[in-house]
Every structure is written in structure tokens, then in C-alpha cells.
Amino acid sequence: MIRHAVRALCAASLLVTPLALSTPAHAVTCTVNGVPRTATNLTGTAGSDYIRCTSIPSAHSVDGLGGPDYIVVTGTVAQGAAVRGGADSDYLQVNVNNGTVSGGDGGDYCRVSSGNPPQSDCESR
């Protein structure tokens, strides 16, 4: 009887553990300088960053902060979401933009394949 209870608890823990470790369904998942990161409002560092994301859900953002940043979103920036570089010259590339793409201060290059155009603070488009 005890042996069966132990087996059942072990089996249940194998099923529950992956659920507890999984990423929230709507969080931003990106790599920042090669390191995977997940957050609601994901930020780079004060220096130069390479940030690569698959998509940005609504009410979430990716911000490169200072330094010349290189930010690529291969999927969609949802309505209500934002991709921002900080000060310095940044490169932002977004596949589909339904939100906001803003370069911030500095001479920025922003490329949007389809959807909303980048903000006027992107000097080159």
C-alpha cells in the first residue's frame, strides 16, 4: 500500500514539475547578448547590446537602454507593445509592427517590414 502511494506521488511530481518551470504564456522571451531572458519589460544593458526576440505581446516592451544597440524581432510587435533603443545610434529591425518602434536619442536606423511605420525619432528607415 505504501509502495503504491510513493509511486503515485513520484508520477504526479513528474507531471507537475514541467508546468512549474514553464515560461508564462505571454512573457517576452528573447536573447540578450546570447543569454536567454524572459520578462514583461525586457531591458538590455547600459552598453552595446544584441537583442533578438521572436515576438512582443501586447503591454510588453523591449528596451535596449544606452549604448549602440542591435534589436531584431523576427515575428510581430503586438498592438500596445513597444521596441525602443536608448541613447546612441541603434539598429532596430521588426518583421510586423502593430505597436511602437522607437529609436530614441541618437542616429537610429529602424526597419519595419510591414505594419505601423517606426516613430519619427528613427532618422533612417
C-alpha atoms as a PDB file:
ATOM      1  CA  MET A   1       0.000   0.000   0.000  1.00  0.00           C
ATOM      2  CA  ILE A   2       2.752   2.455   0.925  1.00  0.00           C
ATOM      3  CA  ARG A   3       4.724   1.428  -2.139  1.00  0.00           C
ATOM      4  CA  HIS A   4       1.756   2.327  -4.397  1.00  0.00           C
ATOM      5  CA  ALA A   5       1.330   5.711  -2.692  1.00  0.00           C
ATOM      6  CA  VAL A   6       5.019   6.510  -3.205  1.00  0.00           C
ATOM      7  CA  ARG A   7       4.793   5.550  -6.883  1.00  0.00           C
ATOM      8  CA  ALA A   8       1.732   7.753  -7.325  1.00  0.00           C
ATOM      9  CA  LEU A   9       3.466  10.727  -5.694  1.00  0.00           C
ATOM     10  CA  CYS A  10       6.556  10.254  -7.860  1.00  0.00           C
ATOM     11  CA  ALA A  11       4.465  10.055 -11.013  1.00  0.00           C
ATOM     12  CA  ALA A  12       2.497  13.154 -10.022  1.00  0.00           C
ATOM     13  CA  SER A  13       5.686  15.115  -9.363  1.00  0.00           C
ATOM     14  CA  LEU A  14       6.970  14.269 -12.840  1.00  0.00           C
ATOM     15  CA  LEU A  15       3.796  15.703 -14.345  1.00  0.00           C
ATOM     16  CA  VAL A  16       3.661  18.857 -12.183  1.00  0.00           C
ATOM     17  CA  THR A  17       7.341  19.887 -12.337  1.00  0.00           C
ATOM     18  CA  PRO A  18       7.407  20.875 -16.047  1.00  0.00           C
ATOM     19  CA  LEU A  19       4.339  23.058 -15.521  1.00  0.00           C
ATOM     20  CA  ALA A  20       6.002  24.925 -12.675  1.00  0.00           C
ATOM     21  CA  LEU A  21       9.171  25.530 -14.693  1.00  0.00           C
ATOM     22  CA  SER A  22       7.467  26.603 -17.894  1.00  0.00           C
ATOM     23  CA  THR A  23       7.555  30.179 -19.233  1.00  0.00           C
ATOM     24  CA  PRO A  24       4.431  32.322 -18.723  1.00  0.00           C
ATOM     25  CA  ALA A  25       2.315  32.250 -21.874  1.00  0.00           C
ATOM     26  CA  HIS A  26       2.538  35.969 -22.603  1.00  0.00           C
ATOM     27  CA  ALA A  27       6.027  36.952 -21.432  1.00  0.00           C
ATOM     28  CA  VAL A  28       8.663  38.346 -23.767  1.00  0.00           C
ATOM     29  CA  THR A  29      11.307  35.700 -24.470  1.00  0.00           C
ATOM     30  CA  CYS A  30      14.495  36.978 -26.077  1.00  0.00           C
ATOM     31  CA  THR A  31      18.218  36.514 -26.064  1.00  0.00           C
ATOM     32  CA  VAL A  32      20.235  39.441 -24.726  1.00  0.00           C
ATOM     33  CA  ASN A  33      23.887  39.210 -25.749  1.00  0.00           C
ATOM     34  CA  GLY A  34      23.382  35.467 -26.312  1.00  0.00           C
ATOM     35  CA  VAL A  35      21.717  34.788 -22.934  1.00  0.00           C
ATOM     36  CA  PRO A  36      18.023  33.738 -22.911  1.00  0.00           C
ATOM     37  CA  ARG A  37      15.846  36.113 -20.866  1.00  0.00           C
ATOM     38  CA  THR A  38      12.122  36.302 -20.130  1.00  0.00           C
ATOM     39  CA  ALA A  39      10.345  39.355 -18.715  1.00  0.00           C
ATOM     40  CA  THR A  40       7.333  41.623 -19.130  1.00  0.00           C
ATOM     41  CA  ASN A  41       9.562  44.638 -19.802  1.00  0.00           C
ATOM     42  CA  LEU A  42      12.870  43.277 -21.010  1.00  0.00           C
ATOM     43  CA  THR A  43      15.908  45.569 -20.971  1.00  0.00           C
ATOM     44  CA  GLY A  44      19.427  45.425 -22.260  1.00  0.00           C
ATOM     45  CA  THR A  45      22.447  46.915 -20.517  1.00  0.00           C
ATOM     46  CA  ALA A  46      23.890  50.432 -20.341  1.00  0.00           C
ATOM     47  CA  GLY A  47      26.376  49.413 -23.060  1.00  0.00           C
ATOM     48  CA  SER A  48      26.074  47.926 -26.535  1.00  0.00           C
ATOM     49  CA  ASP A  49      23.590  45.018 -26.793  1.00  0.00           C
ATOM     50  CA  TYR A  50      22.411  42.445 -29.305  1.00  0.00           C
ATOM     51  CA  ILE A  51      18.785  41.550 -28.527  1.00  0.00           C
ATOM     52  CA  ARG A  52      16.837  39.004 -30.584  1.00  0.00           C
ATOM     53  CA  CYS A  53      13.141  38.228 -29.938  1.00  0.00           C
ATOM     54  CA  THR A  54      10.527  36.144 -31.703  1.00  0.00           C
ATOM     55  CA  SER A  55       7.587  38.413 -30.818  1.00  0.00           C
ATOM     56  CA  ILE A  56       6.471  41.078 -28.330  1.00  0.00           C
ATOM     57  CA  PRO A  57       2.982  40.599 -26.818  1.00  0.00           C
ATOM     58  CA  SER A  58       0.632  43.479 -26.037  1.00  0.00           C
ATOM     59  CA  ALA A  59       1.532  45.602 -22.961  1.00  0.00           C
ATOM     60  CA  HIS A  60       5.155  44.353 -23.078  1.00  0.00           C
ATOM     61  CA  SER A  61       8.336  46.082 -24.171  1.00  0.00           C
ATOM     62  CA  VAL A  62      11.943  45.584 -25.156  1.00  0.00           C
ATOM     63  CA  ASP A  63      14.318  48.456 -24.389  1.00  0.00           C
ATOM     64  CA  GLY A  64      17.988  48.439 -25.354  1.00  0.00           C
ATOM     65  CA  LEU A  65      18.852  51.235 -22.877  1.00  0.00           C
ATOM     66  CA  GLY A  66      22.170  53.055 -23.512  1.00  0.00           C
ATOM     67  CA  GLY A  67      24.881  52.194 -25.982  1.00  0.00           C
ATOM     68  CA  PRO A  68      24.539  51.366 -29.679  1.00  0.00           C
ATOM     69  CA  ASP A  69      22.026  48.504 -29.617  1.00  0.00           C
ATOM     70  CA  TYR A  70      21.039  45.987 -32.288  1.00  0.00           C
ATOM     71  CA  ILE A  71      17.457  44.755 -31.734  1.00  0.00           C
ATOM     72  CA  VAL A  72      15.737  42.240 -34.032  1.00  0.00           C
ATOM     73  CA  VAL A  73      12.138  40.996 -33.715  1.00  0.00           C
ATOM     74  CA  THR A  74      11.552  38.153 -36.174  1.00  0.00           C
ATOM     75  CA  GLY A  75       7.798  37.991 -35.538  1.00  0.00           C
ATOM     76  CA  THR A  76       5.176  40.542 -34.521  1.00  0.00           C
ATOM     77  CA  VAL A  77       5.225  43.515 -32.178  1.00  0.00           C
ATOM     78  CA  ALA A  78       1.616  43.415 -30.960  1.00  0.00           C
ATOM     79  CA  GLN A  79      -0.662  46.434 -30.574  1.00  0.00           C
ATOM     80  CA  GLY A  80       0.204  48.099 -27.274  1.00  0.00           C
ATOM     81  CA  ALA A  81       3.763  46.687 -27.286  1.00  0.00           C
ATOM     82  CA  ALA A  82       6.976  48.652 -27.819  1.00  0.00           C
ATOM     83  CA  VAL A  83      10.538  48.185 -29.055  1.00  0.00           C
ATOM     84  CA  ARG A  84      12.884  51.024 -28.033  1.00  0.00           C
ATOM     85  CA  GLY A  85      16.609  51.743 -28.300  1.00  0.00           C
ATOM     86  CA  GLY A  86      18.054  54.249 -25.775  1.00  0.00           C
ATOM     87  CA  ALA A  87      20.663  56.933 -26.331  1.00  0.00           C
ATOM     88  CA  ASP A  88      23.303  56.398 -29.045  1.00  0.00           C
ATOM     89  CA  SER A  89      22.864  55.038 -32.544  1.00  0.00           C
ATOM     90  CA  ASP A  90      20.684  51.932 -32.594  1.00  0.00           C
ATOM     91  CA  TYR A  91      19.600  49.436 -35.249  1.00  0.00           C
ATOM     92  CA  LEU A  92      16.049  48.111 -34.869  1.00  0.00           C
ATOM     93  CA  GLN A  93      14.570  45.545 -37.249  1.00  0.00           C
ATOM     94  CA  VAL A  94      10.961  44.362 -36.870  1.00  0.00           C
ATOM     95  CA  ASN A  95       9.090  41.966 -39.137  1.00  0.00           C
ATOM     96  CA  VAL A  96       5.473  43.045 -38.375  1.00  0.00           C
ATOM     97  CA  ASN A  97       4.778  46.139 -36.280  1.00  0.00           C
ATOM     98  CA  ASN A  98       1.331  46.607 -34.787  1.00  0.00           C
ATOM     99  CA  GLY A  99       2.759  48.540 -31.817  1.00  0.00           C
ATOM    100  CA  THR A 100       5.537  51.128 -31.472  1.00  0.00           C
ATOM    101  CA  VAL A 101       9.112  51.073 -32.780  1.00  0.00           C
ATOM    102  CA  SER A 102      11.158  53.986 -31.475  1.00  0.00           C
ATOM    103  CA  GLY A 103      14.900  54.647 -31.787  1.00  0.00           C
ATOM    104  CA  GLY A 104      15.227  57.228 -29.008  1.00  0.00           C
ATOM    105  CA  ASP A 105      18.128  59.707 -28.994  1.00  0.00           C
ATOM    106  CA  GLY A 106      20.981  59.341 -31.464  1.00  0.00           C
ATOM    107  CA  GLY A 107      21.175  58.498 -35.148  1.00  0.00           C
ATOM    108  CA  ASP A 108      18.984  55.401 -35.356  1.00  0.00           C
ATOM    109  CA  TYR A 109      18.162  53.045 -38.212  1.00  0.00           C
ATOM    110  CA  CYS A 110      14.734  51.414 -37.917  1.00  0.00           C
ATOM    111  CA  ARG A 111      13.460  48.868 -40.421  1.00  0.00           C
ATOM    112  CA  VAL A 112       9.862  47.608 -40.301  1.00  0.00           C
ATOM    113  CA  SER A 113       8.809  45.082 -42.958  1.00  0.00           C
ATOM    114  CA  SER A 114       5.050  45.643 -42.547  1.00  0.00           C
ATOM    115  CA  GLY A 115       2.508  47.334 -40.297  1.00  0.00           C
ATOM    116  CA  ASN A 116       2.958  50.622 -38.445  1.00  0.00           C
ATOM    117  CA  PRO A 117       5.957  52.698 -39.563  1.00  0.00           C
ATOM    118  CA  PRO A 118       8.664  53.481 -36.998  1.00  0.00           C
ATOM    119  CA  GLN A 119       8.462  56.686 -34.952  1.00  0.00           C
ATOM    120  CA  SER A 120       9.935  59.921 -36.302  1.00  0.00           C
ATOM    121  CA  ASP A 121      12.965  59.606 -33.970  1.00  0.00           C
ATOM    122  CA  CYS A 122      14.286  56.939 -36.342  1.00  0.00           C
ATOM    123  CA  GLU A 123      16.444  59.046 -38.631  1.00  0.00           C
ATOM    124  CA  SER A 124      16.858  56.289 -41.232  1.00  0.00           C
ATOM    125  CA  ARG A 125      14.146  53.861 -42.289  1.00  0.00           C
END
